[in-house]
């Protein structure tokens, strides 16, 4: 990211001037402006890429959590069924005796 001094310097040099002494000076300022915009564009692209990476990681974690939740539900269901069967067997045995 450009620092504040760099931004202010660019603004003072490029946007505040209404006229230039020579065509060469105007061309130089235009080139500086172009380079500055290219730099900002590159930073914007880097930020977009970082956002895409973070979004992908988040989606992967969400899917992973969904899978883990389903597995946990299956385990809980199996445990509850096992407990229920054990209680039924204990009840049947107590009725037999």
PDB file of N, CA and C in Angstrom:
ATOM      1  N   UNK A   1       0.837  -1.183   0.000  1.00  0.00           N
ATOM      2  CA  UNK A   1       0.000   0.000   0.000  1.00  0.00           C
ATOM      3  C   UNK A   1       0.878   1.241   0.000  1.00  0.00           C
ATOM      4  N   UNK A   2       0.500   2.232  -0.766  1.00  0.00           N
ATOM      5  CA  UNK A   2       1.292   3.453  -0.757  1.00  0.00           C
ATOM      6  C   UNK A   2       1.118   4.168   0.575  1.00  0.00           C
ATOM      7  N   UNK A   3       2.189   4.847   0.978  1.00  0.00           N
ATOM      8  CA  UNK A   3       2.070   5.575   2.240  1.00  0.00           C
ATOM      9  C   UNK A   3       1.429   6.938   1.996  1.00  0.00           C
ATOM     10  N   UNK A   4       1.067   7.600   3.088  1.00  0.00           N
ATOM     11  CA  UNK A   4       0.341   8.878   2.985  1.00  0.00           C
ATOM     12  C   UNK A   4       1.176   9.944   2.277  1.00  0.00           C
ATOM     13  N   UNK A   5       2.480   9.979   2.562  1.00  0.00           N
ATOM     14  CA  UNK A   5       3.335  10.984   1.924  1.00  0.00           C
ATOM     15  C   UNK A   5       3.370  10.793   0.418  1.00  0.00           C
ATOM     16  N   UNK A   6       3.427   9.530   0.000  1.00  0.00           N
ATOM     17  CA  UNK A   6       3.444   9.224  -1.423  1.00  0.00           C
ATOM     18  C   UNK A   6       2.142   9.684  -2.070  1.00  0.00           C
ATOM     19  N   UNK A   7       1.020   9.399  -1.419  1.00  0.00           N
ATOM     20  CA  UNK A   7      -0.281   9.822  -1.933  1.00  0.00           C
ATOM     21  C   UNK A   7      -0.364  11.342  -2.031  1.00  0.00           C
ATOM     22  N   UNK A   8       0.026  12.022  -0.955  1.00  0.00           N
ATOM     23  CA  UNK A   8      -0.049  13.485  -0.938  1.00  0.00           C
ATOM     24  C   UNK A   8       0.865  14.104  -1.981  1.00  0.00           C
ATOM     25  N   UNK A   9       2.059  13.559  -2.120  1.00  0.00           N
ATOM     26  CA  UNK A   9       3.008  14.060  -3.109  1.00  0.00           C
ATOM     27  C   UNK A   9       2.437  13.907  -4.510  1.00  0.00           C
ATOM     28  N   UNK A  10       1.856  12.767  -4.767  1.00  0.00           N
ATOM     29  CA  UNK A  10       1.266  12.530  -6.080  1.00  0.00           C
ATOM     30  C   UNK A  10       0.124  13.515  -6.329  1.00  0.00           C
ATOM     31  N   UNK A  11      -0.743  13.689  -5.341  1.00  0.00           N
ATOM     32  CA  UNK A  11      -1.865  14.615  -5.503  1.00  0.00           C
ATOM     33  C   UNK A  11      -1.380  16.033  -5.776  1.00  0.00           C
ATOM     34  N   UNK A  12      -0.412  16.481  -4.997  1.00  0.00           N
ATOM     35  CA  UNK A  12       0.100  17.844  -5.189  1.00  0.00           C
ATOM     36  C   UNK A  12       0.705  18.003  -6.580  1.00  0.00           C
ATOM     37  N   UNK A  13       1.454  17.007  -7.002  1.00  0.00           N
ATOM     38  CA  UNK A  13       2.154  17.102  -8.275  1.00  0.00           C
ATOM     39  C   UNK A  13       1.212  16.946  -9.454  1.00  0.00           C
ATOM     40  N   UNK A  14       0.312  16.017  -9.366  1.00  0.00           N
ATOM     41  CA  UNK A  14      -0.451  15.636 -10.548  1.00  0.00           C
ATOM     42  C   UNK A  14      -1.816  16.315 -10.635  1.00  0.00           C
ATOM     43  N   UNK A  15      -2.549  16.378  -9.559  1.00  0.00           N
ATOM     44  CA  UNK A  15      -3.936  16.833  -9.658  1.00  0.00           C
ATOM     45  C   UNK A  15      -4.119  18.327  -9.416  1.00  0.00           C
ATOM     46  N   UNK A  16      -3.210  18.965  -8.731  1.00  0.00           N
ATOM     47  CA  UNK A  16      -3.398  20.377  -8.384  1.00  0.00           C
ATOM     48  C   UNK A  16      -2.915  21.336  -9.474  1.00  0.00           C
ATOM     49  N   UNK A  17      -2.039  20.856 -10.334  1.00  0.00           N
ATOM     50  CA  UNK A  17      -1.470  21.750 -11.344  1.00  0.00           C
ATOM     51  C   UNK A  17      -2.436  21.936 -12.499  1.00  0.00           C
ATOM     52  N   UNK A  18      -2.542  23.162 -12.927  1.00  0.00           N
ATOM     53  CA  UNK A  18      -3.422  23.482 -14.051  1.00  0.00           C
ATOM     54  C   UNK A  18      -2.638  23.609 -15.360  1.00  0.00           C
ATOM     55  N   UNK A  19      -1.366  23.956 -15.246  1.00  0.00           N
ATOM     56  CA  UNK A  19      -0.571  24.107 -16.465  1.00  0.00           C
ATOM     57  C   UNK A  19       0.852  23.615 -16.202  1.00  0.00           C
ATOM     58  N   UNK A  20       1.546  23.334 -17.288  1.00  0.00           N
ATOM     59  CA  UNK A  20       2.912  22.829 -17.194  1.00  0.00           C
ATOM     60  C   UNK A  20       3.820  23.730 -18.021  1.00  0.00           C
ATOM     61  N   UNK A  21       5.072  23.859 -17.582  1.00  0.00           N
ATOM     62  CA  UNK A  21       6.022  24.744 -18.263  1.00  0.00           C
ATOM     63  C   UNK A  21       6.379  24.208 -19.639  1.00  0.00           C
ATOM     64  N   UNK A  22       6.572  22.897 -19.729  1.00  0.00           N
ATOM     65  CA  UNK A  22       6.961  22.309 -21.015  1.00  0.00           C
ATOM     66  C   UNK A  22       6.141  21.054 -21.269  1.00  0.00           C
ATOM     67  N   UNK A  23       6.154  20.653 -22.504  1.00  0.00           N
ATOM     68  CA  UNK A  23       5.469  19.414 -22.877  1.00  0.00           C
ATOM     69  C   UNK A  23       6.161  18.231 -22.210  1.00  0.00           C
ATOM     70  N   UNK A  24       7.471  18.303 -22.076  1.00  0.00           N
ATOM     71  CA  UNK A  24       8.231  17.229 -21.425  1.00  0.00           C
ATOM     72  C   UNK A  24       7.799  17.073 -19.964  1.00  0.00           C
ATOM     73  N   UNK A  25       7.607  18.196 -19.289  1.00  0.00           N
ATOM     74  CA  UNK A  25       7.150  18.154 -17.900  1.00  0.00           C
ATOM     75  C   UNK A  25       5.755  17.516 -17.817  1.00  0.00           C
ATOM     76  N   UNK A  26       4.880  17.891 -18.715  1.00  0.00           N
ATOM     77  CA  UNK A  26       3.531  17.318 -18.732  1.00  0.00           C
ATOM     78  C   UNK A  26       3.590  15.816 -19.000  1.00  0.00           C
ATOM     79  N   UNK A  27       4.455  15.414 -19.921  1.00  0.00           N
ATOM     80  CA  UNK A  27       4.609  13.987 -20.241  1.00  0.00           C
ATOM     81  C   UNK A  27       5.148  13.226 -19.040  1.00  0.00           C
ATOM     82  N   UNK A  28       6.136  13.812 -18.357  1.00  0.00           N
ATOM     83  CA  UNK A  28       6.693  13.168 -17.161  1.00  0.00           C
ATOM     84  C   UNK A  28       5.613  12.970 -16.097  1.00  0.00           C
ATOM     85  N   UNK A  29       4.829  14.011 -15.871  1.00  0.00           N
ATOM     86  CA  UNK A  29       3.764  13.920 -14.869  1.00  0.00           C
ATOM     87  C   UNK A  29       2.746  12.861 -15.281  1.00  0.00           C
ATOM     88  N   UNK A  30       2.421  12.813 -16.546  1.00  0.00           N
ATOM     89  CA  UNK A  30       1.471  11.810 -17.038  1.00  0.00           C
ATOM     90  C   UNK A  30       2.025  10.400 -16.851  1.00  0.00           C
ATOM     91  N   UNK A  31       3.316  10.218 -17.107  1.00  0.00           N
ATOM     92  CA  UNK A  31       3.942   8.909 -16.899  1.00  0.00           C
ATOM     93  C   UNK A  31       3.926   8.524 -15.422  1.00  0.00           C
ATOM     94  N   UNK A  32       4.202   9.501 -14.564  1.00  0.00           N
ATOM     95  CA  UNK A  32       4.157   9.234 -13.120  1.00  0.00           C
ATOM     96  C   UNK A  32       2.746   8.803 -12.726  1.00  0.00           C
ATOM     97  N   UNK A  33       1.759   9.521 -13.240  1.00  0.00           N
ATOM     98  CA  UNK A  33       0.367   9.173 -12.949  1.00  0.00           C
ATOM     99  C   UNK A  33       0.015   7.785 -13.438  1.00  0.00           C
ATOM    100  N   UNK A  34       0.488   7.442 -14.623  1.00  0.00           N
ATOM    101  CA  UNK A  34       0.220   6.114 -15.185  1.00  0.00           C
ATOM    102  C   UNK A  34       0.851   5.028 -14.325  1.00  0.00           C
ATOM    103  N   UNK A  35       2.104   5.238 -13.923  1.00  0.00           N
ATOM    104  CA  UNK A  35       2.782   4.266 -13.063  1.00  0.00           C
ATOM    105  C   UNK A  35       2.072   4.126 -11.718  1.00  0.00           C
ATOM    106  N   UNK A  36       1.620   5.248 -11.196  1.00  0.00           N
ATOM    107  CA  UNK A  36       0.910   5.232  -9.917  1.00  0.00           C
ATOM    108  C   UNK A  36      -0.392   4.434 -10.044  1.00  0.00           C
ATOM    109  N   UNK A  37      -1.124   4.654 -11.115  1.00  0.00           N
ATOM    110  CA  UNK A  37      -2.369   3.904 -11.336  1.00  0.00           C
ATOM    111  C   UNK A  37      -2.094   2.416 -11.537  1.00  0.00           C
ATOM    112  N   UNK A  38      -1.013   2.092 -12.234  1.00  0.00           N
ATOM    113  CA  UNK A  38      -0.648   0.681 -12.409  1.00  0.00           C
ATOM    114  C   UNK A  38      -0.326   0.035 -11.064  1.00  0.00           C
ATOM    115  N   UNK A  39       0.360   0.786 -10.217  1.00  0.00           N
ATOM    116  CA  UNK A  39       0.698   0.280  -8.886  1.00  0.00           C
ATOM    117  C   UNK A  39      -0.575   0.029  -8.081  1.00  0.00           C
ATOM    118  N   UNK A  40      -1.498   0.978  -8.118  1.00  0.00           N
ATOM    119  CA  UNK A  40      -2.769   0.804  -7.409  1.00  0.00           C
ATOM    120  C   UNK A  40      -3.558  -0.375  -7.970  1.00  0.00           C
ATOM    121  N   UNK A  41      -3.531  -0.538  -9.280  1.00  0.00           N
ATOM    122  CA  UNK A  41      -4.231  -1.656  -9.913  1.00  0.00           C
ATOM    123  C   UNK A  41      -3.633  -2.989  -9.465  1.00  0.00           C
ATOM    124  N   UNK A  42      -2.307  -3.049  -9.389  1.00  0.00           N
ATOM    125  CA  UNK A  42      -1.647  -4.282  -8.935  1.00  0.00           C
ATOM    126  C   UNK A  42      -2.041  -4.590  -7.491  1.00  0.00           C
ATOM    127  N   UNK A  43      -2.085  -3.573  -6.652  1.00  0.00           N
ATOM    128  CA  UNK A  43      -2.495  -3.774  -5.261  1.00  0.00           C
ATOM    129  C   UNK A  43      -3.943  -4.245  -5.183  1.00  0.00           C
ATOM    130  N   UNK A  44      -4.772  -3.693  -6.040  1.00  0.00           N
ATOM    131  CA  UNK A  44      -6.181  -4.100  -6.080  1.00  0.00           C
ATOM    132  C   UNK A  44      -6.290  -5.569  -6.491  1.00  0.00           C
ATOM    133  N   UNK A  45      -5.525  -5.971  -7.487  1.00  0.00           N
ATOM    134  CA  UNK A  45      -5.544  -7.367  -7.936  1.00  0.00           C
ATOM    135  C   UNK A  45      -5.056  -8.303  -6.834  1.00  0.00           C
ATOM    136  N   UNK A  46      -4.014  -7.893  -6.119  1.00  0.00           N
ATOM    137  CA  UNK A  46      -3.513  -8.700  -5.000  1.00  0.00           C
ATOM    138  C   UNK A  46      -4.590  -8.855  -3.927  1.00  0.00           C
ATOM    139  N   UNK A  47      -5.281  -7.768  -3.653  1.00  0.00           N
ATOM    140  CA  UNK A  47      -6.350  -7.818  -2.648  1.00  0.00           C
ATOM    141  C   UNK A  47      -7.477  -8.741  -3.097  1.00  0.00           C
ATOM    142  N   UNK A  48      -7.847  -8.662  -4.368  1.00  0.00           N
ATOM    143  CA  UNK A  48      -8.900  -9.538  -4.900  1.00  0.00           C
ATOM    144  C   UNK A  48      -8.485 -10.999  -4.798  1.00  0.00           C
ATOM    145  N   UNK A  49      -7.222 -11.280  -5.096  1.00  0.00           N
ATOM    146  CA  UNK A  49      -6.718 -12.648  -5.007  1.00  0.00           C
ATOM    147  C   UNK A  49      -6.762 -13.138  -3.564  1.00  0.00           C
ATOM    148  N   UNK A  50      -6.350 -12.300  -2.642  1.00  0.00           N
ATOM    149  CA  UNK A  50      -6.378 -12.663  -1.222  1.00  0.00           C
ATOM    150  C   UNK A  50      -7.813 -12.924  -0.761  1.00  0.00           C
ATOM    151  N   UNK A  51      -8.742 -12.090  -1.203  1.00  0.00           N
ATOM    152  CA  UNK A  51     -10.155 -12.285  -0.856  1.00  0.00           C
ATOM    153  C   UNK A  51     -10.653 -13.608  -1.412  1.00  0.00           C
ATOM    154  N   UNK A  52     -10.284 -13.922  -2.654  1.00  0.00           N
ATOM    155  CA  UNK A  52     -10.699 -15.194  -3.260  1.00  0.00           C
ATOM    156  C   UNK A  52     -10.154 -16.381  -2.473  1.00  0.00           C
ATOM    157  N   UNK A  53      -8.888 -16.287  -2.057  1.00  0.00           N
ATOM    158  CA  UNK A  53      -8.285 -17.368  -1.267  1.00  0.00           C
ATOM    159  C   UNK A  53      -9.024 -17.553   0.052  1.00  0.00           C
ATOM    160  N   UNK A  54      -9.302 -16.449   0.730  1.00  0.00           N
ATOM    161  CA  UNK A  54      -9.994 -16.522   2.018  1.00  0.00           C
ATOM    162  C   UNK A  54     -11.410 -17.072   1.854  1.00  0.00           C
ATOM    163  N   UNK A  55     -12.074 -16.666   0.782  1.00  0.00           N
ATOM    164  CA  UNK A  55     -13.431 -17.156   0.512  1.00  0.00           C
ATOM    165  C   UNK A  55     -13.400 -18.666   0.272  1.00  0.00           C
ATOM    166  N   UNK A  56     -12.421 -19.137  -0.503  1.00  0.00           N
ATOM    167  CA  UNK A  56     -12.287 -20.567  -0.780  1.00  0.00           C
ATOM    168  C   UNK A  56     -12.018 -21.341   0.510  1.00  0.00           C
ATOM    169  N   UNK A  57     -11.107 -20.819   1.338  1.00  0.00           N
ATOM    170  CA  UNK A  57     -10.804 -21.475   2.620  1.00  0.00           C
ATOM    171  C   UNK A  57     -12.049 -21.555   3.494  1.00  0.00           C
ATOM    172  N   UNK A  58     -12.828 -20.497   3.504  1.00  0.00           N
ATOM    173  CA  UNK A  58     -14.052 -20.460   4.306  1.00  0.00           C
ATOM    174  C   UNK A  58     -15.053 -21.505   3.802  1.00  0.00           C
ATOM    175  N   UNK A  59     -15.216 -21.592   2.483  1.00  0.00           N
ATOM    176  CA  UNK A  59     -16.134 -22.579   1.909  1.00  0.00           C
ATOM    177  C   UNK A  59     -15.678 -23.998   2.239  1.00  0.00           C
ATOM    178  N   UNK A  60     -14.375 -24.233   2.181  1.00  0.00           N
ATOM    179  CA  UNK A  60     -13.843 -25.561   2.508  1.00  0.00           C
ATOM    180  C   UNK A  60     -14.117 -25.904   3.968  1.00  0.00           C
ATOM    181  N   UNK A  61     -13.911 -24.943   4.849  1.00  0.00           N
ATOM    182  CA  UNK A  61     -14.169 -25.182   6.277  1.00  0.00           C
ATOM    183  C   UNK A  61     -15.647 -25.454   6.529  1.00  0.00           C
ATOM    184  N   UNK A  62     -16.514 -24.726   5.826  1.00  0.00           N
ATOM    185  CA  UNK A  62     -17.956 -24.946   5.990  1.00  0.00           C
ATOM    186  C   UNK A  62     -18.330 -26.364   5.568  1.00  0.00           C
ATOM    187  N   UNK A  63     -17.785 -26.816   4.431  1.00  0.00           N
ATOM    188  CA  UNK A  63     -18.077 -28.177   3.964  1.00  0.00           C
ATOM    189  C   UNK A  63     -17.523 -29.209   4.939  1.00  0.00           C
ATOM    190  N   UNK A  64     -16.317 -28.950   5.430  1.00  0.00           N
ATOM    191  CA  UNK A  64     -15.707 -29.858   6.398  1.00  0.00           C
ATOM    192  C   UNK A  64     -16.561 -29.936   7.666  1.00  0.00           C
ATOM    193  N   UNK A  65     -17.049 -28.794   8.118  1.00  0.00           N
ATOM    194  CA  UNK A  65     -17.903 -28.767   9.309  1.00  0.00           C
ATOM    195  C   UNK A  65     -19.213 -29.515   9.074  1.00  0.00           C
ATOM    196  N   UNK A  66     -19.776 -29.386   7.876  1.00  0.00           N
ATOM    197  CA  UNK A  66     -21.004 -30.114   7.548  1.00  0.00           C
ATOM    198  C   UNK A  66     -20.768 -31.618   7.628  1.00  0.00           C
ATOM    199  N   UNK A  67     -19.647 -32.061   7.074  1.00  0.00           N
ATOM    200  CA  UNK A  67     -19.311 -33.492   7.095  1.00  0.00           C
ATOM    201  C   UNK A  67     -19.128 -33.962   8.535  1.00  0.00           C
ATOM    202  N   UNK A  68     -18.398 -33.184   9.327  1.00  0.00           N
ATOM    203  CA  UNK A  68     -18.177 -33.550  10.732  1.00  0.00           C
ATOM    204  C   UNK A  68     -19.493 -33.582  11.508  1.00  0.00           C
ATOM    205  N   UNK A  69     -20.382 -32.639  11.225  1.00  0.00           N
ATOM    206  CA  UNK A  69     -21.688 -32.624  11.892  1.00  0.00           C
ATOM    207  C   UNK A  69     -22.491 -33.874  11.548  1.00  0.00           C
ATOM    208  N   UNK A  70     -22.474 -34.271  10.283  1.00  0.00           N
ATOM    209  CA  UNK A  70     -23.206 -35.477   9.869  1.00  0.00           C
ATOM    210  C   UNK A  70     -22.629 -36.718  10.543  1.00  0.00           C
ATOM    211  N   UNK A  71     -21.299 -36.791  10.613  1.00  0.00           N
ATOM    212  CA  UNK A  71     -20.661 -37.933  11.277  1.00  0.00           C
ATOM    213  C   UNK A  71     -21.017 -37.962  12.763  1.00  0.00           C
ATOM    214  N   UNK A  72     -21.019 -36.802  13.399  1.00  0.00           N
ATOM    215  CA  UNK A  72     -21.362 -36.709  14.813  1.00  0.00           C
ATOM    216  C   UNK A  72     -22.819 -37.141  15.038  1.00  0.00           C
ATOM    217  N   UNK A  73     -23.707 -36.714  14.144  1.00  0.00           N
ATOM    218  CA  UNK A  73     -25.115 -37.105  14.255  1.00  0.00           C
ATOM    219  C   UNK A  73     -25.274 -38.619  14.127  1.00  0.00           C
ATOM    220  N   UNK A  74     -24.532 -39.218  13.194  1.00  0.00           N
ATOM    221  CA  UNK A  74     -24.594 -40.679  13.024  1.00  0.00           C
ATOM    222  C   UNK A  74     -24.114 -41.384  14.290  1.00  0.00           C
ATOM    223  N   UNK A  75     -22.998 -40.896  14.844  1.00  0.00           N
ATOM    224  CA  UNK A  75     -22.454 -41.501  16.064  1.00  0.00           C
ATOM    225  C   UNK A  75     -23.439 -41.369  17.225  1.00  0.00           C
ATOM    226  N   UNK A  76     -24.037 -40.194  17.359  1.00  0.00           N
ATOM    227  CA  UNK A  76     -25.012 -39.985  18.435  1.00  0.00           C
ATOM    228  C   UNK A  76     -26.224 -40.888  18.252  1.00  0.00           C
ATOM    229  N   UNK A  77     -26.673 -41.014  17.018  1.00  0.00           N
ATOM    230  CA  UNK A  77     -27.823 -41.873  16.732  1.00  0.00           C
ATOM    231  C   UNK A  77     -27.497 -43.326  17.062  1.00  0.00           C
ATOM    232  N   UNK A  78     -26.304 -43.771  16.660  1.00  0.00           N
ATOM    233  CA  UNK A  78     -25.887 -45.145  16.945  1.00  0.00           C
ATOM    234  C   UNK A  78     -25.810 -45.371  18.456  1.00  0.00           C
ATOM    235  N   UNK A  79     -25.234 -44.401  19.165  1.00  0.00           N
ATOM    236  CA  UNK A  79     -25.114 -44.514  20.625  1.00  0.00           C
ATOM    237  C   UNK A  79     -26.489 -44.583  21.273  1.00  0.00           C
ATOM    238  N   UNK A  80     -27.399 -43.730  20.837  1.00  0.00           N
ATOM    239  CA  UNK A  80     -28.754 -43.741  21.400  1.00  0.00           C
ATOM    240  C   UNK A  80     -29.466 -45.063  21.115  1.00  0.00           C
ATOM    241  N   UNK A  81     -29.279 -45.592  19.908  1.00  0.00           N
ATOM    242  CA  UNK A  81     -29.891 -46.884  19.567  1.00  0.00           C
ATOM    243  C   UNK A  81     -29.313 -47.987  20.447  1.00  0.00           C
ATOM    244  N   UNK A  82     -28.012 -47.956  20.653  1.00  0.00           N
ATOM    245  CA  UNK A  82     -27.351 -48.965  21.472  1.00  0.00           C
ATOM    246  C   UNK A  82     -27.856 -48.894  22.919  1.00  0.00           C
ATOM    247  N   UNK A  83     -27.965 -47.676  23.441  1.00  0.00           N
ATOM    248  CA  UNK A  83     -28.479 -47.492  24.809  1.00  0.00           C
ATOM    249  C   UNK A  83     -29.915 -47.998  24.898  1.00  0.00           C
ATOM    250  N   UNK A  84     -30.707 -47.667  23.886  1.00  0.00           N
ATOM    251  CA  UNK A  84     -32.112 -48.097  23.878  1.00  0.00           C
ATOM    252  C   UNK A  84     -32.215 -49.619  23.846  1.00  0.00           C
ATOM    253  N   UNK A  85     -31.388 -50.260  23.015  1.00  0.00           N
ATOM    254  CA  UNK A  85     -31.401 -51.729  22.940  1.00  0.00           C
ATOM    255  C   UNK A  85     -30.974 -52.338  24.270  1.00  0.00           C
ATOM    256  N   UNK A  86     -29.970 -51.746  24.895  1.00  0.00           N
ATOM    257  CA  UNK A  86     -29.499 -52.258  26.188  1.00  0.00           C
ATOM    258  C   UNK A  86     -30.598 -52.151  27.236  1.00  0.00           C
ATOM    259  N   UNK A  87     -31.308 -51.034  27.244  1.00  0.00           N
ATOM    260  CA  UNK A  87     -32.402 -50.856  28.203  1.00  0.00           C
ATOM    261  C   UNK A  87     -33.528 -51.848  27.918  1.00  0.00           C
ATOM    262  N   UNK A  88     -33.830 -52.060  26.632  1.00  0.00           N
ATOM    263  CA  UNK A  88     -34.875 -53.029  26.267  1.00  0.00           C
ATOM    264  C   UNK A  88     -34.499 -54.427  26.726  1.00  0.00           C
ATOM    265  N   UNK A  89     -33.239 -54.802  26.511  1.00  0.00           N
ATOM    266  CA  UNK A  89     -32.787 -56.135  26.931  1.00  0.00           C
ATOM    267  C   UNK A  89     -32.852 -56.268  28.449  1.00  0.00           C
ATOM    268  N   UNK A  90     -32.441 -55.226  29.158  1.00  0.00           N
ATOM    269  CA  UNK A  90     -32.485 -55.265  30.624  1.00  0.00           C
ATOM    270  C   UNK A  90     -33.925 -55.373  31.105  1.00  0.00           C
ATOM    271  N   UNK A  91     -34.825 -54.664  30.448  1.00  0.00           N
ATOM    272  CA  UNK A  91     -36.238 -54.717  30.818  1.00  0.00           C
ATOM    273  C   UNK A  91     -36.813 -56.103  30.553  1.00  0.00           C
ATOM    274  N   UNK A  92     -36.461 -56.689  29.396  1.00  0.00           N
ATOM    275  CA  UNK A  92     -36.952 -58.034  29.062  1.00  0.00           C
ATOM    276  C   UNK A  92     -36.428 -59.061  30.060  1.00  0.00           C
ATOM    277  N   UNK A  93     -35.188 -58.930  30.450  1.00  0.00           N
ATOM    278  CA  UNK A  93     -34.610 -59.872  31.410  1.00  0.00           C
ATOM    279  C   UNK A  93     -35.270 -59.723  32.777  1.00  0.00           C
ATOM    280  N   UNK A  94     -35.572 -58.482  33.156  1.00  0.00           N
ATOM    281  CA  UNK A  94     -36.219 -58.285  34.458  1.00  0.00           C
ATOM    282  C   UNK A  94     -37.655 -58.808  34.435  1.00  0.00           C
ATOM    283  N   UNK A  95     -38.301 -58.760  33.276  1.00  0.00           N
ATOM    284  CA  UNK A  95     -39.663 -59.291  33.152  1.00  0.00           C
ATOM    285  C   UNK A  95     -39.631 -60.816  33.215  1.00  0.00           C
ATOM    286  N   UNK A  96     -38.611 -61.448  32.644  1.00  0.00           N
ATOM    287  CA  UNK A  96     -38.491 -62.910  32.627  1.00  0.00           C
ATOM    288  C   UNK A  96     -38.283 -63.456  34.031  1.00  0.00           C
ATOM    289  N   UNK A  97     -37.604 -62.711  34.860  1.00  0.00           N
ATOM    290  CA  UNK A  97     -37.305 -63.234  36.203  1.00  0.00           C
ATOM    291  C   UNK A  97     -38.315 -62.898  37.231  1.00  0.00           C
TER     292      UNK A  97
END
